[in-house]
């Protein structure tokens, strides 16, 4: 086995381990949220809890991923394999880290969601700390980065499928934002005006100066 083969094996195992950590973090939040009282809901979540709706979509989704876990056609030369491994590893680590950062920043405000339906808790609070200072949807952004990195590292049809379905996260994000706007009103409107949805914007010198002078501590 070559050094590159060994490196690919190590990175792939690390990727599965990181996926397990992210799954456990999400499952812990989902378990807590299943017992929480809900307020507003959209789509199928108006009829069933978001956890039920999530399972309706997730079971066939993950089954499809399992069935598509086959290598992509073609052979990659050593330099391209090395480049794909390095780039994919960086993207995957950044995406997983961003996902977990967002998950723990949400704390007890975390809830599962799908494009089939989303819901808010009773007593929903706006979270504007951690990565939510920079973008409104850091966990979804983390998923995009992780899927792109996974495609380069594993080179499987399942990751092509995941990337093809990730625009559903945009639908989820829009549903969540609509409910948050209805529930939180001016507080959400002010936050959405300050913080971009997906890509962080560079901080202006005025923002940095305000923070140094003891402003409200919110990055815009």
C-alpha atoms as a PDB file:
ATOM      1  CA  UNK A   1       0.000   0.000   0.000  1.00  0.00           C
ATOM      2  CA  UNK A   2       1.404   3.391  -1.018  1.00  0.00           C
ATOM      3  CA  UNK A   3       1.635   6.413   1.260  1.00  0.00           C
ATOM      4  CA  UNK A   4      -1.249   7.999  -0.648  1.00  0.00           C
ATOM      5  CA  UNK A   5      -3.406   4.903  -0.175  1.00  0.00           C
ATOM      6  CA  UNK A   6      -2.690   5.037   3.559  1.00  0.00           C
ATOM      7  CA  UNK A   7      -3.489   8.750   3.709  1.00  0.00           C
ATOM      8  CA  UNK A   8      -6.795   8.195   1.880  1.00  0.00           C
ATOM      9  CA  UNK A   9      -7.722   5.419   4.297  1.00  0.00           C
ATOM     10  CA  UNK A  10      -6.944   7.579   7.340  1.00  0.00           C
ATOM     11  CA  UNK A  11      -8.857  10.607   6.019  1.00  0.00           C
ATOM     12  CA  UNK A  12     -11.852   8.483   5.060  1.00  0.00           C
ATOM     13  CA  UNK A  13     -12.004   6.865   8.497  1.00  0.00           C
ATOM     14  CA  UNK A  14     -11.690  10.297  10.098  1.00  0.00           C
ATOM     15  CA  UNK A  15     -14.530  11.497   7.890  1.00  0.00           C
ATOM     16  CA  UNK A  16     -16.829   8.716   9.056  1.00  0.00           C
ATOM     17  CA  UNK A  17     -15.873   9.437  12.676  1.00  0.00           C
ATOM     18  CA  UNK A  18     -16.654  13.134  12.220  1.00  0.00           C
ATOM     19  CA  UNK A  19     -19.991  12.235  10.627  1.00  0.00           C
ATOM     20  CA  UNK A  20     -20.789  10.115  13.671  1.00  0.00           C
ATOM     21  CA  UNK A  21     -19.993  12.995  16.032  1.00  0.00           C
ATOM     22  CA  UNK A  22     -22.230  15.361  14.037  1.00  0.00           C
ATOM     23  CA  UNK A  23     -25.019  12.793  13.994  1.00  0.00           C
ATOM     24  CA  UNK A  24     -24.827  12.266  17.752  1.00  0.00           C
ATOM     25  CA  UNK A  25     -24.892  16.021  18.366  1.00  0.00           C
ATOM     26  CA  UNK A  26     -27.952  16.364  16.145  1.00  0.00           C
ATOM     27  CA  UNK A  27     -29.666  13.338  17.686  1.00  0.00           C
ATOM     28  CA  UNK A  28     -29.135  14.667  21.210  1.00  0.00           C
ATOM     29  CA  UNK A  29     -30.756  17.974  20.255  1.00  0.00           C
ATOM     30  CA  UNK A  30     -33.589  16.236  18.435  1.00  0.00           C
ATOM     31  CA  UNK A  31     -34.323  14.043  21.459  1.00  0.00           C
ATOM     32  CA  UNK A  32     -34.543  17.084  23.727  1.00  0.00           C
ATOM     33  CA  UNK A  33     -36.628  18.987  21.207  1.00  0.00           C
ATOM     34  CA  UNK A  34     -39.144  16.166  20.849  1.00  0.00           C
ATOM     35  CA  UNK A  35     -40.413  16.949  24.350  1.00  0.00           C
ATOM     36  CA  UNK A  36     -40.513  20.725  23.899  1.00  0.00           C
ATOM     37  CA  UNK A  37     -43.732  22.616  23.264  1.00  0.00           C
ATOM     38  CA  UNK A  38     -44.102  24.068  19.788  1.00  0.00           C
ATOM     39  CA  UNK A  39     -45.533  27.300  18.451  1.00  0.00           C
ATOM     40  CA  UNK A  40     -45.555  28.048  14.720  1.00  0.00           C
ATOM     41  CA  UNK A  41     -45.168  25.391  12.031  1.00  0.00           C
ATOM     42  CA  UNK A  42     -45.119  25.218   8.241  1.00  0.00           C
ATOM     43  CA  UNK A  43     -46.131  22.565   5.716  1.00  0.00           C
ATOM     44  CA  UNK A  44     -46.506  19.008   7.057  1.00  0.00           C
ATOM     45  CA  UNK A  45     -45.257  20.087  10.474  1.00  0.00           C
ATOM     46  CA  UNK A  46     -48.628  21.759  10.994  1.00  0.00           C
ATOM     47  CA  UNK A  47     -50.101  18.258  11.202  1.00  0.00           C
ATOM     48  CA  UNK A  48     -47.237  16.240  12.716  1.00  0.00           C
ATOM     49  CA  UNK A  49     -44.219  17.131  14.811  1.00  0.00           C
ATOM     50  CA  UNK A  50     -41.099  18.128  12.866  1.00  0.00           C
ATOM     51  CA  UNK A  51     -39.382  14.918  14.001  1.00  0.00           C
ATOM     52  CA  UNK A  52     -42.040  12.784  12.322  1.00  0.00           C
ATOM     53  CA  UNK A  53     -41.860  14.865   9.169  1.00  0.00           C
ATOM     54  CA  UNK A  54     -38.073  14.606   9.197  1.00  0.00           C
ATOM     55  CA  UNK A  55     -38.242  10.806   9.357  1.00  0.00           C
ATOM     56  CA  UNK A  56     -40.703  10.728   6.458  1.00  0.00           C
ATOM     57  CA  UNK A  57     -38.077  12.350   4.274  1.00  0.00           C
ATOM     58  CA  UNK A  58     -34.894  11.052   5.909  1.00  0.00           C
ATOM     59  CA  UNK A  59     -35.551   7.304   5.724  1.00  0.00           C
ATOM     60  CA  UNK A  60     -35.774   7.090   1.898  1.00  0.00           C
ATOM     61  CA  UNK A  61     -33.002   9.703   1.602  1.00  0.00           C
ATOM     62  CA  UNK A  62     -30.464   7.697   3.603  1.00  0.00           C
ATOM     63  CA  UNK A  63     -31.585   4.475   1.929  1.00  0.00           C
ATOM     64  CA  UNK A  64     -30.807   6.071  -1.433  1.00  0.00           C
ATOM     65  CA  UNK A  65     -27.367   7.105  -0.139  1.00  0.00           C
ATOM     66  CA  UNK A  66     -26.664   3.519   0.919  1.00  0.00           C
ATOM     67  CA  UNK A  67     -27.744   2.127  -2.447  1.00  0.00           C
ATOM     68  CA  UNK A  68     -25.600   4.699  -4.286  1.00  0.00           C
ATOM     69  CA  UNK A  69     -22.438   3.991  -2.292  1.00  0.00           C
ATOM     70  CA  UNK A  70     -20.521   2.935  -5.408  1.00  0.00           C
ATOM     71  CA  UNK A  71     -17.299   4.452  -6.762  1.00  0.00           C
ATOM     72  CA  UNK A  72     -17.405   6.957  -9.574  1.00  0.00           C
ATOM     73  CA  UNK A  73     -16.049   5.687 -12.912  1.00  0.00           C
ATOM     74  CA  UNK A  74     -12.533   6.423 -14.083  1.00  0.00           C
ATOM     75  CA  UNK A  75      -9.082   6.287 -12.559  1.00  0.00           C
ATOM     76  CA  UNK A  76      -7.362   9.339 -11.071  1.00  0.00           C
ATOM     77  CA  UNK A  77      -3.636   9.868 -11.396  1.00  0.00           C
ATOM     78  CA  UNK A  78      -1.555  10.188  -8.227  1.00  0.00           C
ATOM     79  CA  UNK A  79      -1.219  14.017  -8.325  1.00  0.00           C
ATOM     80  CA  UNK A  80      -4.978  14.479  -8.800  1.00  0.00           C
ATOM     81  CA  UNK A  81      -5.787  11.992  -6.055  1.00  0.00           C
ATOM     82  CA  UNK A  82      -3.462  13.817  -3.685  1.00  0.00           C
ATOM     83  CA  UNK A  83      -4.966  17.188  -4.585  1.00  0.00           C
ATOM     84  CA  UNK A  84      -8.509  15.860  -4.185  1.00  0.00           C
ATOM     85  CA  UNK A  85      -7.655  14.312  -0.819  1.00  0.00           C
ATOM     86  CA  UNK A  86      -6.063  17.495   0.536  1.00  0.00           C
ATOM     87  CA  UNK A  87      -8.815  19.782  -0.761  1.00  0.00           C
ATOM     88  CA  UNK A  88     -11.600  17.445   0.284  1.00  0.00           C
ATOM     89  CA  UNK A  89     -10.122  16.958   3.731  1.00  0.00           C
ATOM     90  CA  UNK A  90      -9.916  20.697   4.309  1.00  0.00           C
ATOM     91  CA  UNK A  91     -13.463  21.314   3.053  1.00  0.00           C
ATOM     92  CA  UNK A  92     -14.826  18.405   5.074  1.00  0.00           C
ATOM     93  CA  UNK A  93     -13.114  19.497   8.278  1.00  0.00           C
ATOM     94  CA  UNK A  94     -14.252  23.103   7.812  1.00  0.00           C
ATOM     95  CA  UNK A  95     -17.807  22.033   7.061  1.00  0.00           C
ATOM     96  CA  UNK A  96     -18.024  19.627   9.989  1.00  0.00           C
ATOM     97  CA  UNK A  97     -16.554  22.183  12.353  1.00  0.00           C
ATOM     98  CA  UNK A  98     -18.974  24.848  11.164  1.00  0.00           C
ATOM     99  CA  UNK A  99     -21.915  22.464  11.548  1.00  0.00           C
ATOM    100  CA  UNK A 100     -20.977  21.585  15.127  1.00  0.00           C
ATOM    101  CA  UNK A 101     -20.264  25.214  16.009  1.00  0.00           C
ATOM    102  CA  UNK A 102     -23.712  26.167  14.808  1.00  0.00           C
ATOM    103  CA  UNK A 103     -25.341  23.216  16.556  1.00  0.00           C
ATOM    104  CA  UNK A 104     -23.882  24.076  19.960  1.00  0.00           C
ATOM    105  CA  UNK A 105     -24.479  27.802  19.482  1.00  0.00           C
ATOM    106  CA  UNK A 106     -28.192  27.035  19.009  1.00  0.00           C
ATOM    107  CA  UNK A 107     -28.292  25.048  22.233  1.00  0.00           C
ATOM    108  CA  UNK A 108     -31.889  24.358  23.270  1.00  0.00           C
ATOM    109  CA  UNK A 109     -33.167  26.249  20.224  1.00  0.00           C
ATOM    110  CA  UNK A 110     -31.983  23.450  17.916  1.00  0.00           C
ATOM    111  CA  UNK A 111     -34.703  21.536  16.102  1.00  0.00           C
ATOM    112  CA  UNK A 112     -34.734  19.118  13.180  1.00  0.00           C
ATOM    113  CA  UNK A 113     -36.281  20.363   9.958  1.00  0.00           C
ATOM    114  CA  UNK A 114     -36.815  19.349   6.371  1.00  0.00           C
ATOM    115  CA  UNK A 115     -38.151  20.937   3.226  1.00  0.00           C
ATOM    116  CA  UNK A 116     -41.361  18.997   3.970  1.00  0.00           C
ATOM    117  CA  UNK A 117     -41.984  20.959   7.148  1.00  0.00           C
ATOM    118  CA  UNK A 118     -40.414  23.027   9.926  1.00  0.00           C
ATOM    119  CA  UNK A 119     -41.560  24.272  13.318  1.00  0.00           C
ATOM    120  CA  UNK A 120     -40.567  26.713  16.046  1.00  0.00           C
ATOM    121  CA  UNK A 121     -40.592  26.139  19.774  1.00  0.00           C
ATOM    122  CA  UNK A 122     -42.853  27.980  22.143  1.00  0.00           C
ATOM    123  CA  UNK A 123     -40.681  30.727  23.586  1.00  0.00           C
ATOM    124  CA  UNK A 124     -38.433  30.695  20.509  1.00  0.00           C
ATOM    125  CA  UNK A 125     -35.388  32.944  20.937  1.00  0.00           C
ATOM    126  CA  UNK A 126     -33.159  34.517  18.328  1.00  0.00           C
ATOM    127  CA  UNK A 127     -29.619  33.098  18.368  1.00  0.00           C
ATOM    128  CA  UNK A 128     -27.084  35.633  17.119  1.00  0.00           C
ATOM    129  CA  UNK A 129     -23.939  34.268  18.768  1.00  0.00           C
ATOM    130  CA  UNK A 130     -21.190  31.950  17.531  1.00  0.00           C
ATOM    131  CA  UNK A 131     -21.269  31.501  13.747  1.00  0.00           C
ATOM    132  CA  UNK A 132     -24.687  33.169  13.659  1.00  0.00           C
ATOM    133  CA  UNK A 133     -22.829  36.454  14.033  1.00  0.00           C
ATOM    134  CA  UNK A 134     -21.489  35.985  10.507  1.00  0.00           C
ATOM    135  CA  UNK A 135     -24.175  34.097   8.553  1.00  0.00           C
ATOM    136  CA  UNK A 136     -27.782  33.169   9.243  1.00  0.00           C
ATOM    137  CA  UNK A 137     -27.408  29.534   8.120  1.00  0.00           C
ATOM    138  CA  UNK A 138     -23.981  28.248   9.219  1.00  0.00           C
ATOM    139  CA  UNK A 139     -25.125  24.652   9.703  1.00  0.00           C
ATOM    140  CA  UNK A 140     -26.486  24.415   6.166  1.00  0.00           C
ATOM    141  CA  UNK A 141     -23.339  26.055   4.837  1.00  0.00           C
ATOM    142  CA  UNK A 142     -21.358  23.450   6.769  1.00  0.00           C
ATOM    143  CA  UNK A 143     -23.347  20.701   5.080  1.00  0.00           C
ATOM    144  CA  UNK A 144     -22.542  22.124   1.638  1.00  0.00           C
ATOM    145  CA  UNK A 145     -18.817  22.257   2.452  1.00  0.00           C
ATOM    146  CA  UNK A 146     -18.810  18.768   3.963  1.00  0.00           C
ATOM    147  CA  UNK A 147     -20.630  17.241   0.990  1.00  0.00           C
ATOM    148  CA  UNK A 148     -18.228  18.873  -1.476  1.00  0.00           C
ATOM    149  CA  UNK A 149     -15.269  17.667   0.562  1.00  0.00           C
ATOM    150  CA  UNK A 150     -16.765  14.189   0.886  1.00  0.00           C
ATOM    151  CA  UNK A 151     -17.170  13.914  -2.872  1.00  0.00           C
ATOM    152  CA  UNK A 152     -13.464  14.625  -3.355  1.00  0.00           C
ATOM    153  CA  UNK A 153     -12.360  12.251  -0.590  1.00  0.00           C
ATOM    154  CA  UNK A 154     -14.684   9.284  -1.195  1.00  0.00           C
ATOM    155  CA  UNK A 155     -15.564   9.801  -4.883  1.00  0.00           C
ATOM    156  CA  UNK A 156     -18.897   7.944  -4.618  1.00  0.00           C
ATOM    157  CA  UNK A 157     -22.205   8.372  -6.387  1.00  0.00           C
ATOM    158  CA  UNK A 158     -23.887   8.851  -3.018  1.00  0.00           C
ATOM    159  CA  UNK A 159     -22.068  12.172  -2.569  1.00  0.00           C
ATOM    160  CA  UNK A 160     -23.187  13.313  -6.025  1.00  0.00           C
ATOM    161  CA  UNK A 161     -26.731  12.555  -4.897  1.00  0.00           C
ATOM    162  CA  UNK A 162     -26.234  14.471  -1.634  1.00  0.00           C
ATOM    163  CA  UNK A 163     -24.922  17.534  -3.466  1.00  0.00           C
ATOM    164  CA  UNK A 164     -27.790  17.356  -5.967  1.00  0.00           C
ATOM    165  CA  UNK A 165     -30.350  17.395  -3.138  1.00  0.00           C
ATOM    166  CA  UNK A 166     -28.728  20.078  -0.983  1.00  0.00           C
ATOM    167  CA  UNK A 167     -30.715  22.886  -2.644  1.00  0.00           C
ATOM    168  CA  UNK A 168     -33.485  21.529  -0.424  1.00  0.00           C
ATOM    169  CA  UNK A 169     -31.593  23.216   2.405  1.00  0.00           C
ATOM    170  CA  UNK A 170     -32.359  26.538   0.743  1.00  0.00           C
ATOM    171  CA  UNK A 171     -36.069  25.681   0.864  1.00  0.00           C
ATOM    172  CA  UNK A 172     -35.751  24.757   4.552  1.00  0.00           C
ATOM    173  CA  UNK A 173     -33.920  27.989   5.257  1.00  0.00           C
ATOM    174  CA  UNK A 174     -36.657  30.051   3.617  1.00  0.00           C
ATOM    175  CA  UNK A 175     -39.382  28.269   5.578  1.00  0.00           C
ATOM    176  CA  UNK A 176     -37.490  28.807   8.820  1.00  0.00           C
ATOM    177  CA  UNK A 177     -36.922  32.478   8.061  1.00  0.00           C
ATOM    178  CA  UNK A 178     -40.585  33.037   7.265  1.00  0.00           C
ATOM    179  CA  UNK A 179     -41.631  31.532  10.593  1.00  0.00           C
ATOM    180  CA  UNK A 180     -38.955  33.432  12.488  1.00  0.00           C
ATOM    181  CA  UNK A 181     -40.065  36.677  10.885  1.00  0.00           C
ATOM    182  CA  UNK A 182     -43.660  35.980  11.947  1.00  0.00           C
ATOM    183  CA  UNK A 183     -42.659  34.967  15.476  1.00  0.00           C
ATOM    184  CA  UNK A 184     -39.917  37.501  16.273  1.00  0.00           C
ATOM    185  CA  UNK A 185     -40.988  40.452  14.133  1.00  0.00           C
ATOM    186  CA  UNK A 186     -38.680  43.510  14.288  1.00  0.00           C
ATOM    187  CA  UNK A 187     -35.978  41.575  16.148  1.00  0.00           C
ATOM    188  CA  UNK A 188     -35.633  39.138  13.263  1.00  0.00           C
ATOM    189  CA  UNK A 189     -35.898  41.885  10.648  1.00  0.00           C
ATOM    190  CA  UNK A 190     -33.026  43.800  12.256  1.00  0.00           C
ATOM    191  CA  UNK A 191     -30.903  40.657  12.504  1.00  0.00           C
ATOM    192  CA  UNK A 192     -31.562  39.653   8.884  1.00  0.00           C
ATOM    193  CA  UNK A 193     -30.637  43.154   7.751  1.00  0.00           C
ATOM    194  CA  UNK A 194     -27.298  42.933   9.597  1.00  0.00           C
ATOM    195  CA  UNK A 195     -26.237  39.368   8.857  1.00  0.00           C
ATOM    196  CA  UNK A 196     -26.056  37.767   5.383  1.00  0.00           C
ATOM    197  CA  UNK A 197     -27.740  34.449   4.774  1.00  0.00           C
ATOM    198  CA  UNK A 198     -24.977  32.250   3.421  1.00  0.00           C
ATOM    199  CA  UNK A 199     -21.631  33.972   2.839  1.00  0.00           C
ATOM    200  CA  UNK A 200     -20.043  36.277   5.437  1.00  0.00           C
ATOM    201  CA  UNK A 201     -19.403  39.793   4.282  1.00  0.00           C
ATOM    202  CA  UNK A 202     -16.170  41.632   5.136  1.00  0.00           C
ATOM    203  CA  UNK A 203     -16.445  43.833   8.186  1.00  0.00           C
ATOM    204  CA  UNK A 204     -16.182  47.507   7.430  1.00  0.00           C
ATOM    205  CA  UNK A 205     -13.725  49.725   9.340  1.00  0.00           C
ATOM    206  CA  UNK A 206     -16.714  51.478  10.944  1.00  0.00           C
ATOM    207  CA  UNK A 207     -17.988  48.177  12.370  1.00  0.00           C
ATOM    208  CA  UNK A 208     -14.598  47.315  13.827  1.00  0.00           C
ATOM    209  CA  UNK A 209     -14.306  50.811  15.334  1.00  0.00           C
ATOM    210  CA  UNK A 210     -17.750  50.550  16.934  1.00  0.00           C
ATOM    211  CA  UNK A 211     -16.880  47.196  18.497  1.00  0.00           C
ATOM    212  CA  UNK A 212     -13.628  48.550  19.899  1.00  0.00           C
ATOM    213  CA  UNK A 213     -15.495  51.494  21.383  1.00  0.00           C
ATOM    214  CA  UNK A 214     -17.875  49.163  23.230  1.00  0.00           C
ATOM    215  CA  UNK A 215     -20.761  48.791  20.822  1.00  0.00           C
ATOM    216  CA  UNK A 216     -23.413  46.108  21.010  1.00  0.00           C
ATOM    217  CA  UNK A 217     -20.956  43.361  20.147  1.00  0.00           C
ATOM    218  CA  UNK A 218     -22.868  42.227  17.062  1.00  0.00           C
ATOM    219  CA  UNK A 219     -20.833  41.728  13.916  1.00  0.00           C
ATOM    220  CA  UNK A 220     -22.414  43.264  10.850  1.00  0.00           C
END
